[in-house]
Amino acid sequence: MTRRFLAASLALPLAFAFAGAGGLEAQTDPKIISAESAAPESIAREATVMDVDQTILRAGSNGWTCLPDFPDTLGSDPMCLDAPWMEWFRAYMSNTPPNISGIGFGYMLGGDAAASNTDPFATAPTDSNEWMSYGSPHIMMIVPEASMLEGIPTSHSAGGPWVMWRDTPFAHVMLPVAEPGQYIMAH
């Protein structure tokens, strides 16, 4: 068998497999692959994929938006967000209070970048900002009223759900799905 025939015979089934899932280009774009890794395949495959500069890389049809890893952060932090979380995300990116009308969910199954547990805009550890060196794979939940968060712990080291950024307009519940350093293969 010639090398050219062998290469063609291996490439053809792969091309059909990728074409059936959105085309070869969509499956090989590193930003799309990164974005899709944040959520279960049932959500990611039909989600809009938006770059960190909010350029649409792929239109979706299920109301979810996935973003690739943010290159300027420490750690891997791709995410998939539903409509309420996208409202939150846009408000966060512009440092304006979000207007959350309902409960929303977001996935970060590849983990998270280093961040403060108390200050949404901290860029480095301080004595008072409860710096987390990396985040474990998790699901996030936002609620329309801060009072709905009462009674949920704020400690990220307690081993269960906690409220991150309590007492700020960006408070949300973190729901770990694996231990820090363990990663979930979303697909």
Protein backbone atom coordinates (compact mmCIF):
# COMPACT_ATOMS: atom_id res chain seq x y z
CA MET A 1 0.00 0.00 0.00
CA THR A 2 1.37 3.42 -0.84
CA ARG A 3 1.65 6.06 1.85
CA ARG A 4 -0.66 8.37 -0.10
CA PHE A 5 -3.38 5.67 -0.29
CA LEU A 6 -2.96 4.85 3.39
CA ALA A 7 -3.18 8.53 4.38
CA ALA A 8 -6.27 9.01 2.21
CA SER A 9 -7.96 5.87 3.57
CA LEU A 10 -7.42 7.08 7.15
CA ALA A 11 -8.36 10.70 6.47
CA LEU A 12 -11.65 10.01 4.69
CA PRO A 13 -13.48 8.45 7.68
CA LEU A 14 -12.19 11.25 9.92
CA ALA A 15 -13.43 13.87 7.47
CA PHE A 16 -16.90 12.31 7.48
CA ALA A 17 -16.93 12.12 11.27
CA PHE A 18 -16.01 15.78 11.60
CA ALA A 19 -18.37 16.86 8.82
CA GLY A 20 -21.26 15.26 10.67
CA ALA A 21 -20.43 17.30 13.77
CA GLY A 22 -20.24 20.74 12.24
CA GLY A 23 -17.49 20.41 9.64
CA LEU A 24 -13.78 19.77 9.75
CA GLU A 25 -12.88 23.42 10.40
CA ALA A 26 -15.19 23.72 13.41
CA GLN A 27 -13.64 20.65 15.02
CA THR A 28 -10.02 21.70 14.53
CA ASP A 29 -10.26 25.35 15.60
CA PRO A 30 -8.40 25.38 18.96
CA LYS A 31 -10.69 28.08 20.36
CA ILE A 32 -13.82 26.09 19.54
CA ILE A 33 -12.30 22.92 20.99
CA SER A 34 -11.36 24.84 24.15
CA ALA A 35 -14.83 26.39 24.47
CA GLU A 36 -16.63 23.09 23.95
CA SER A 37 -14.51 21.42 26.64
CA ALA A 38 -16.26 23.46 29.35
CA ALA A 39 -19.63 21.67 29.26
CA PRO A 40 -21.24 18.33 28.52
CA GLU A 41 -21.37 17.53 24.82
CA SER A 42 -25.19 17.71 24.87
CA ILE A 43 -24.87 21.43 25.60
CA ALA A 44 -21.58 22.34 23.89
CA ARG A 45 -22.26 20.87 20.44
CA GLU A 46 -25.26 23.18 19.79
CA ALA A 47 -23.97 26.22 21.72
CA THR A 48 -22.85 29.49 20.21
CA VAL A 49 -19.07 29.76 20.52
CA MET A 50 -17.86 33.26 21.26
CA ASP A 51 -14.24 34.35 21.53
CA VAL A 52 -13.09 36.31 24.58
CA ASP A 53 -13.38 39.54 22.55
CA GLN A 54 -17.06 38.60 21.95
CA THR A 55 -16.53 37.69 18.28
CA ILE A 56 -18.87 34.85 17.30
CA LEU A 57 -16.81 31.88 16.14
CA ARG A 58 -19.82 29.61 15.57
CA ALA A 59 -23.54 30.31 15.75
CA GLY A 60 -25.52 27.97 17.97
CA SER A 61 -29.14 26.98 18.45
CA ASN A 62 -29.69 26.01 22.10
CA GLY A 63 -29.40 29.31 23.99
CA TRP A 64 -25.98 28.50 25.50
CA THR A 65 -22.74 30.37 24.78
CA CYS A 66 -19.32 28.78 25.23
CA LEU A 67 -16.09 30.76 25.51
CA PRO A 68 -12.54 29.40 25.17
CA ASP A 69 -9.77 29.71 27.73
CA PHE A 70 -8.92 33.35 28.46
CA PRO A 71 -5.25 33.63 27.43
CA ASP A 72 -4.44 36.42 29.91
CA THR A 73 -5.44 34.47 33.03
CA LEU A 74 -3.45 31.97 35.08
CA GLY A 75 -4.94 28.53 34.53
CA SER A 76 -7.49 27.11 32.15
CA ASP A 77 -10.91 28.75 32.25
CA PRO A 78 -13.18 27.93 29.30
CA MET A 79 -16.88 28.25 30.16
CA CYS A 80 -20.37 27.60 28.82
CA LEU A 81 -23.11 29.95 30.01
CA ASP A 82 -26.89 30.11 29.67
CA ALA A 83 -28.73 33.41 28.98
CA PRO A 84 -28.82 34.73 32.58
CA TRP A 85 -25.11 33.95 32.93
CA MET A 86 -24.34 35.78 29.68
CA GLU A 87 -26.07 38.84 31.14
CA TRP A 88 -23.88 38.42 34.22
CA PHE A 89 -20.75 37.93 32.07
CA ARG A 90 -21.37 41.08 30.02
CA ALA A 91 -21.96 43.10 33.20
CA TYR A 92 -18.79 41.66 34.75
CA MET A 93 -16.72 42.45 31.66
CA SER A 94 -17.95 46.07 31.75
CA ASN A 95 -17.81 46.32 35.58
CA THR A 96 -21.50 47.23 35.84
CA PRO A 97 -24.04 45.56 38.13
CA PRO A 98 -25.82 42.69 36.38
CA ASN A 99 -29.61 42.57 36.04
CA ILE A 100 -30.38 38.91 36.63
CA SER A 101 -34.02 38.03 35.94
CA GLY A 102 -33.89 34.31 36.75
CA ILE A 103 -31.76 31.44 37.96
CA GLY A 104 -28.86 30.74 35.61
CA PHE A 105 -26.22 28.05 35.20
CA GLY A 106 -22.70 27.94 33.81
CA TYR A 107 -20.21 25.12 33.31
CA MET A 108 -16.46 25.20 33.86
CA LEU A 109 -15.64 21.49 33.71
CA GLY A 110 -12.02 22.16 32.77
CA GLY A 111 -11.37 24.06 35.99
CA ASP A 112 -10.82 27.73 36.52
CA ALA A 113 -8.08 30.33 36.61
CA ALA A 114 -6.54 31.60 39.83
CA ALA A 115 -8.89 34.11 41.47
CA SER A 116 -9.96 35.79 44.66
CA ASN A 117 -12.92 34.30 46.49
CA THR A 118 -13.97 37.73 47.80
CA ASP A 119 -12.98 40.36 45.21
CA PRO A 120 -14.27 39.95 41.64
CA PHE A 121 -11.59 42.20 40.19
CA ALA A 122 -8.50 41.13 42.15
CA THR A 123 -5.56 40.21 39.94
CA ALA A 124 -3.19 38.89 42.59
CA PRO A 125 -3.28 37.49 46.13
CA THR A 126 -3.47 39.80 49.13
CA ASP A 127 -3.74 39.14 52.86
CA SER A 128 -7.54 39.58 52.71
CA ASN A 129 -8.85 38.36 49.35
CA GLU A 130 -8.84 34.57 49.93
CA TRP A 131 -6.81 33.82 46.81
CA MET A 132 -7.47 30.44 45.17
CA SER A 133 -4.46 29.28 43.15
CA TYR A 134 -6.63 27.24 40.78
CA GLY A 135 -10.23 26.21 40.60
CA SER A 136 -11.64 22.73 40.46
CA PRO A 137 -14.11 21.72 37.75
CA HIS A 138 -17.47 23.15 38.71
CA ILE A 139 -20.95 24.28 37.79
CA MET A 140 -21.98 27.83 38.68
CA MET A 141 -25.41 29.15 39.61
CA ILE A 142 -26.66 32.72 39.80
CA VAL A 143 -29.90 33.85 41.36
CA PRO A 144 -31.92 37.05 40.91
CA GLU A 145 -31.98 37.96 44.62
CA ALA A 146 -28.98 38.00 46.98
CA SER A 147 -31.26 36.86 49.81
CA MET A 148 -31.53 33.49 48.04
CA LEU A 149 -27.87 32.89 48.92
CA GLU A 150 -28.40 33.12 52.68
CA GLY A 151 -27.20 30.05 54.55
CA ILE A 152 -24.79 28.88 51.83
CA PRO A 153 -21.17 28.83 53.07
CA THR A 154 -18.58 31.21 51.65
CA SER A 155 -15.54 29.00 52.25
CA HIS A 156 -14.10 27.45 49.12
CA SER A 157 -12.20 24.87 51.15
CA ALA A 158 -15.19 23.31 52.95
CA GLY A 159 -15.61 20.62 50.30
CA GLY A 160 -19.03 21.55 48.95
CA PRO A 161 -20.96 24.39 47.31
CA TRP A 162 -20.09 27.92 48.38
CA VAL A 163 -20.91 31.51 47.50
CA MET A 164 -18.11 33.27 45.67
CA TRP A 165 -17.90 37.06 45.77
CA ARG A 166 -20.67 37.39 48.39
CA ASP A 167 -21.67 40.98 49.16
CA THR A 168 -20.85 42.07 45.59
CA PRO A 169 -23.20 42.38 42.59
CA PHE A 170 -21.34 39.36 41.11
CA ALA A 171 -22.10 36.85 43.91
CA HIS A 172 -22.80 33.34 42.66
CA VAL A 173 -22.81 29.75 43.87
CA MET A 174 -19.89 27.48 43.00
CA LEU A 175 -20.79 23.78 42.80
CA PRO A 176 -17.59 21.69 42.62
CA VAL A 177 -17.86 18.46 40.65
CA ALA A 178 -14.28 17.20 41.22
CA GLU A 179 -11.35 17.82 43.53
CA PRO A 180 -8.91 20.63 42.66
CA GLY A 181 -6.40 19.38 40.12
CA GLN A 182 -8.79 16.75 38.75
CA TYR A 183 -10.36 17.48 35.41
CA ILE A 184 -13.53 16.29 33.79
CA MET A 185 -13.47 15.31 30.15
CA ALA A 186 -16.64 17.00 28.92
CA HIS A 187 -16.73 14.96 25.72
